[in-house]
N, C-alpha and C. Protein backbone atom coordinates (compact mmCIF):
# COMPACT_ATOMS: atom_id res chain seq x y z
N MET A 1 61.38 7.24 -55.07
CA MET A 1 60.57 6.03 -54.70
C MET A 1 61.05 5.53 -52.82
N SER A 2 60.72 5.67 -51.87
CA SER A 2 61.38 5.25 -50.63
C SER A 2 61.73 3.78 -50.78
N ALA A 3 62.66 4.00 -50.09
CA ALA A 3 63.37 1.96 -49.81
C ALA A 3 62.48 0.85 -49.09
N ASP A 4 62.09 2.05 -47.83
CA ASP A 4 61.47 1.72 -45.97
C ASP A 4 60.52 0.29 -46.48
N PHE A 5 59.65 0.38 -47.95
CA PHE A 5 59.27 -0.50 -47.52
C PHE A 5 59.94 -2.42 -48.28
N SER A 6 60.12 -1.97 -48.74
CA SER A 6 60.82 -2.92 -49.32
C SER A 6 61.76 -3.68 -48.22
N PHE A 7 62.01 -2.96 -47.05
CA PHE A 7 62.25 -3.89 -45.80
C PHE A 7 61.39 -4.12 -44.55
N GLY A 8 60.89 -4.07 -44.93
CA GLY A 8 58.98 -3.39 -44.11
C GLY A 8 59.23 -3.13 -42.99
N GLN A 9 59.61 -1.97 -43.28
CA GLN A 9 59.87 -1.10 -42.49
C GLN A 9 57.95 0.00 -42.87
N SER A 10 57.76 0.32 -43.18
CA SER A 10 55.99 0.08 -42.92
C SER A 10 54.58 -1.15 -42.34
N GLY A 11 55.26 -2.04 -41.68
CA GLY A 11 55.09 -3.03 -40.86
C GLY A 11 53.88 -4.41 -41.62
N GLY A 12 53.55 -4.98 -40.92
CA GLY A 12 53.49 -6.10 -41.23
C GLY A 12 52.73 -7.02 -40.52
N GLU A 13 51.77 -8.22 -41.37
CA GLU A 13 50.95 -8.63 -40.22
C GLU A 13 51.01 -10.29 -40.74
N LEU A 14 51.24 -10.71 -38.91
CA LEU A 14 51.41 -12.31 -38.78
C LEU A 14 50.25 -13.16 -38.93
N ILE A 15 49.68 -13.63 -40.34
CA ILE A 15 48.11 -14.22 -40.46
C ILE A 15 48.86 -15.22 -40.22
N THR A 16 47.60 -16.13 -39.31
CA THR A 16 47.70 -17.15 -39.04
C THR A 16 46.35 -18.01 -38.90
N ASP A 17 45.64 -17.64 -39.43
CA ASP A 17 44.21 -18.23 -39.58
C ASP A 17 43.15 -18.14 -40.38
N THR A 18 41.90 -17.99 -40.44
CA THR A 18 40.98 -18.25 -42.01
C THR A 18 40.44 -17.56 -41.90
N SER A 19 40.63 -15.99 -41.86
CA SER A 19 39.62 -15.23 -42.03
C SER A 19 40.44 -13.83 -43.00
N ALA A 20 38.82 -12.97 -43.21
CA ALA A 20 40.08 -12.55 -44.67
C ALA A 20 40.99 -10.95 -44.01
N HIS A 21 41.87 -10.92 -44.50
CA HIS A 21 43.15 -10.21 -43.58
C HIS A 21 43.50 -8.73 -45.33
N THR A 22 42.63 -7.90 -44.96
CA THR A 22 43.02 -6.27 -45.79
C THR A 22 43.42 -5.85 -45.13
N PRO A 23 44.43 -4.81 -45.45
CA PRO A 23 45.17 -3.61 -45.56
C PRO A 23 44.99 -2.68 -45.39
N THR A 24 45.24 -1.90 -43.91
CA THR A 24 44.17 -0.01 -43.64
C THR A 24 45.04 0.80 -45.00
N GLY A 25 45.13 1.64 -45.17
CA GLY A 25 45.80 2.18 -45.68
C GLY A 25 46.73 2.18 -47.51
N GLY A 26 46.33 1.59 -47.09
CA GLY A 26 48.04 1.08 -48.30
C GLY A 26 47.25 -0.91 -48.57
N VAL A 27 48.86 -1.49 -49.21
CA VAL A 27 48.62 -2.92 -49.87
C VAL A 27 49.02 -3.84 -49.00
N PHE A 28 49.41 -5.11 -49.33
CA PHE A 28 50.07 -6.06 -48.56
C PHE A 28 51.14 -6.49 -50.20
N PHE A 29 52.59 -6.29 -50.19
CA PHE A 29 53.35 -5.82 -50.80
C PHE A 29 54.50 -7.52 -51.43
N ALA A 30 53.96 -7.84 -50.32
CA ALA A 30 55.34 -9.64 -49.58
C ALA A 30 54.33 -10.23 -48.89
N ILE A 31 54.52 -11.52 -48.85
CA ILE A 31 54.23 -12.80 -48.82
C ILE A 31 54.99 -13.74 -48.37
N SER A 32 55.89 -13.92 -46.41
CA SER A 32 56.75 -14.72 -46.56
C SER A 32 56.34 -16.25 -45.80
N VAL A 33 56.26 -16.72 -46.90
CA VAL A 33 55.46 -17.76 -45.77
C VAL A 33 55.99 -18.66 -44.61
N VAL A 34 55.58 -18.93 -42.99
CA VAL A 34 56.14 -19.21 -42.18
C VAL A 34 56.04 -20.71 -42.48
N THR A 35 54.51 -21.65 -42.35
CA THR A 35 54.52 -22.35 -42.31
C THR A 35 54.05 -23.18 -43.69
N ALA A 36 53.63 -24.15 -44.33
CA ALA A 36 53.08 -24.45 -45.67
C ALA A 36 52.53 -23.95 -45.80
N ALA A 37 51.41 -23.02 -46.89
CA ALA A 37 50.52 -22.22 -46.41
C ALA A 37 50.35 -22.58 -48.07
N THR A 38 48.30 -22.08 -48.09
CA THR A 38 47.61 -22.33 -48.88
C THR A 38 46.21 -20.98 -48.58
N PHE A 39 45.96 -20.57 -49.82
CA PHE A 39 45.24 -19.87 -50.30
C PHE A 39 43.60 -19.77 -50.21
N ALA A 40 42.92 -19.18 -49.47
CA ALA A 40 41.48 -19.16 -50.28
C ALA A 40 41.52 -18.51 -51.23
N VAL A 41 42.28 -16.32 -50.83
CA VAL A 41 42.22 -15.45 -51.48
C VAL A 41 43.21 -15.06 -51.06
N ALA A 42 44.12 -14.99 -52.60
CA ALA A 42 45.50 -13.62 -52.47
C ALA A 42 45.01 -12.60 -53.52
N THR A 43 44.58 -11.68 -53.45
CA THR A 43 43.36 -10.79 -54.39
C THR A 43 44.74 -9.75 -55.33
N ASP A 44 45.47 -10.58 -56.53
CA ASP A 44 46.31 -9.78 -56.98
C ASP A 44 46.38 -10.52 -58.34
N GLY A 45 45.78 -9.00 -58.95
CA GLY A 45 46.21 -8.97 -60.54
C GLY A 45 47.16 -9.59 -61.85
N ASN A 46 47.94 -9.88 -61.35
CA ASN A 46 49.03 -10.64 -61.71
C ASN A 46 49.11 -11.84 -61.87
N ILE A 47 48.99 -12.61 -60.12
CA ILE A 47 49.71 -13.76 -60.21
C ILE A 47 47.99 -15.42 -60.76
N THR A 48 48.08 -15.90 -61.01
CA THR A 48 47.17 -16.91 -61.12
C THR A 48 48.02 -17.59 -60.51
N GLY A 49 46.81 -19.00 -60.24
CA GLY A 49 46.68 -20.66 -59.57
C GLY A 49 47.39 -20.20 -57.97
N LEU A 50 47.07 -18.77 -57.16
CA LEU A 50 47.65 -19.06 -56.24
C LEU A 50 46.24 -19.24 -55.01
N ASN A 51 45.52 -19.03 -55.22
CA ASN A 51 43.68 -19.25 -54.52
C ASN A 51 43.36 -19.60 -54.63
N ASP A 52 44.05 -21.37 -55.15
CA ASP A 52 42.95 -22.34 -55.82
C ASP A 52 42.26 -23.30 -54.04
N GLY A 53 43.07 -22.44 -53.42
CA GLY A 53 42.44 -24.08 -52.45
C GLY A 53 43.29 -24.46 -52.03
N ALA A 54 44.53 -25.26 -52.62
CA ALA A 54 45.07 -26.44 -52.52
C ALA A 54 46.62 -26.28 -53.01
N THR A 55 47.11 -25.61 -53.56
CA THR A 55 48.38 -25.47 -53.77
C THR A 55 49.05 -25.67 -52.89
N ALA A 56 49.75 -26.19 -52.56
CA ALA A 56 50.23 -26.09 -50.48
C ALA A 56 51.80 -25.08 -51.56
N ILE A 57 51.99 -23.98 -50.63
CA ILE A 57 53.28 -23.16 -51.18
C ILE A 57 54.26 -23.39 -49.93
N PRO A 58 55.38 -23.84 -49.98
CA PRO A 58 56.37 -24.12 -48.85
C PRO A 58 56.74 -23.46 -48.21
N ALA A 59 57.13 -23.45 -46.98
CA ALA A 59 57.36 -22.52 -45.49
C ALA A 59 59.43 -22.12 -46.37
N GLY A 60 59.51 -20.56 -45.98
CA GLY A 60 60.31 -19.92 -46.70
C GLY A 60 60.61 -19.61 -48.37
N SER A 61 59.20 -19.89 -48.92
CA SER A 61 58.83 -18.57 -50.14
C SER A 61 58.46 -16.95 -49.93
N ILE A 62 58.76 -16.70 -50.13
CA ILE A 62 57.96 -15.61 -50.69
C ILE A 62 57.80 -14.94 -51.70
N ILE A 63 56.53 -14.55 -51.84
CA ILE A 63 55.75 -13.87 -52.94
C ILE A 63 55.72 -12.73 -53.02
N TYR A 64 55.61 -12.02 -54.37
CA TYR A 64 56.00 -10.27 -54.25
C TYR A 64 54.86 -10.29 -55.68
N GLY A 65 53.68 -8.85 -55.12
CA GLY A 65 52.75 -8.51 -55.59
C GLY A 65 51.66 -7.97 -55.06
N ARG A 66 50.81 -7.73 -55.83
CA ARG A 66 50.37 -5.87 -55.11
C ARG A 66 49.12 -6.45 -54.67
N PHE A 67 49.35 -7.79 -53.20
CA PHE A 67 47.47 -7.87 -52.27
C PHE A 67 46.70 -7.07 -52.15
N ASN A 68 45.79 -6.89 -51.77
CA ASN A 68 44.64 -6.29 -51.47
C ASN A 68 44.12 -6.85 -50.51
N SER A 69 43.50 -8.18 -50.28
CA SER A 69 43.56 -9.20 -49.55
C SER A 69 43.70 -10.65 -49.94
N ILE A 70 43.91 -11.14 -48.47
CA ILE A 70 44.26 -12.29 -47.77
C ILE A 70 43.40 -13.08 -46.90
N THR A 71 43.07 -14.49 -47.38
CA THR A 71 42.05 -15.08 -46.63
C THR A 71 43.26 -16.60 -46.98
N LEU A 72 44.24 -17.73 -45.74
CA LEU A 72 43.95 -18.31 -45.84
C LEU A 72 42.90 -19.73 -45.75
N THR A 73 43.57 -20.77 -45.79
CA THR A 73 43.31 -22.13 -46.03
C THR A 73 43.47 -22.82 -44.65
N SER A 74 45.27 -22.86 -45.06
CA SER A 74 45.59 -23.49 -43.81
C SER A 74 47.36 -22.35 -43.77
N GLY A 75 47.90 -22.81 -42.48
CA GLY A 75 49.45 -22.46 -43.03
C GLY A 75 49.15 -21.09 -42.02
N SER A 76 50.98 -20.88 -42.40
CA SER A 76 51.10 -19.47 -41.44
C SER A 76 52.28 -18.67 -42.85
N VAL A 77 51.63 -17.12 -42.73
CA VAL A 77 52.46 -16.05 -43.20
C VAL A 77 53.11 -14.58 -42.81
N VAL A 78 53.45 -13.89 -43.06
CA VAL A 78 53.74 -13.13 -42.18
C VAL A 78 53.55 -12.23 -43.52
N ALA A 79 53.39 -11.12 -43.34
CA ALA A 79 52.25 -10.11 -45.12
C ALA A 79 52.78 -8.61 -44.69
N TYR A 80 53.93 -8.26 -45.47
CA TYR A 80 54.32 -7.05 -45.57
C TYR A 80 53.49 -6.12 -46.39
N LEU A 81 53.59 -5.06 -45.11
CA LEU A 81 52.51 -3.06 -46.41
C LEU A 81 53.70 -2.10 -46.41
N LYS A 82 52.89 -1.64 -48.21
CA LYS A 82 53.02 -0.90 -48.26
C LYS A 82 52.47 0.10 -48.20
N GLU A 83 52.38 1.18 -47.72
CA GLU A 83 51.79 2.18 -47.76
C GLU A 83 51.68 3.12 -48.78
N GLU A 84 49.57 3.76 -49.14
CA GLU A 84 49.71 4.69 -50.33
C GLU A 84 51.06 5.54 -49.74
N GLY A 85 51.16 5.87 -51.11
CA GLY A 85 52.56 7.58 -51.27
C GLY A 85 53.79 6.84 -51.29
N ILE A 86 53.62 5.70 -50.93
CA ILE A 86 55.11 5.62 -50.77
C ILE A 86 55.64 4.49 -51.88
């Protein structure tokens, strides 16, 4: 397994709106919260309670998982990409 993805070298996406964001060619493996954020959708089978639209995740938090899609209710995050096969 390559360590490149663990340092964001596969890229990422700054998300500041309430549109759905789906990575192409992989999944988001980490979400870094820039300004306090609430999630409408953060699809990961292992994390519950994240996408209730009401729980504010504080700025500076990092959430690890395997996210196929992210939709914010408020705030801003950087979602880091893990490409398939890495």
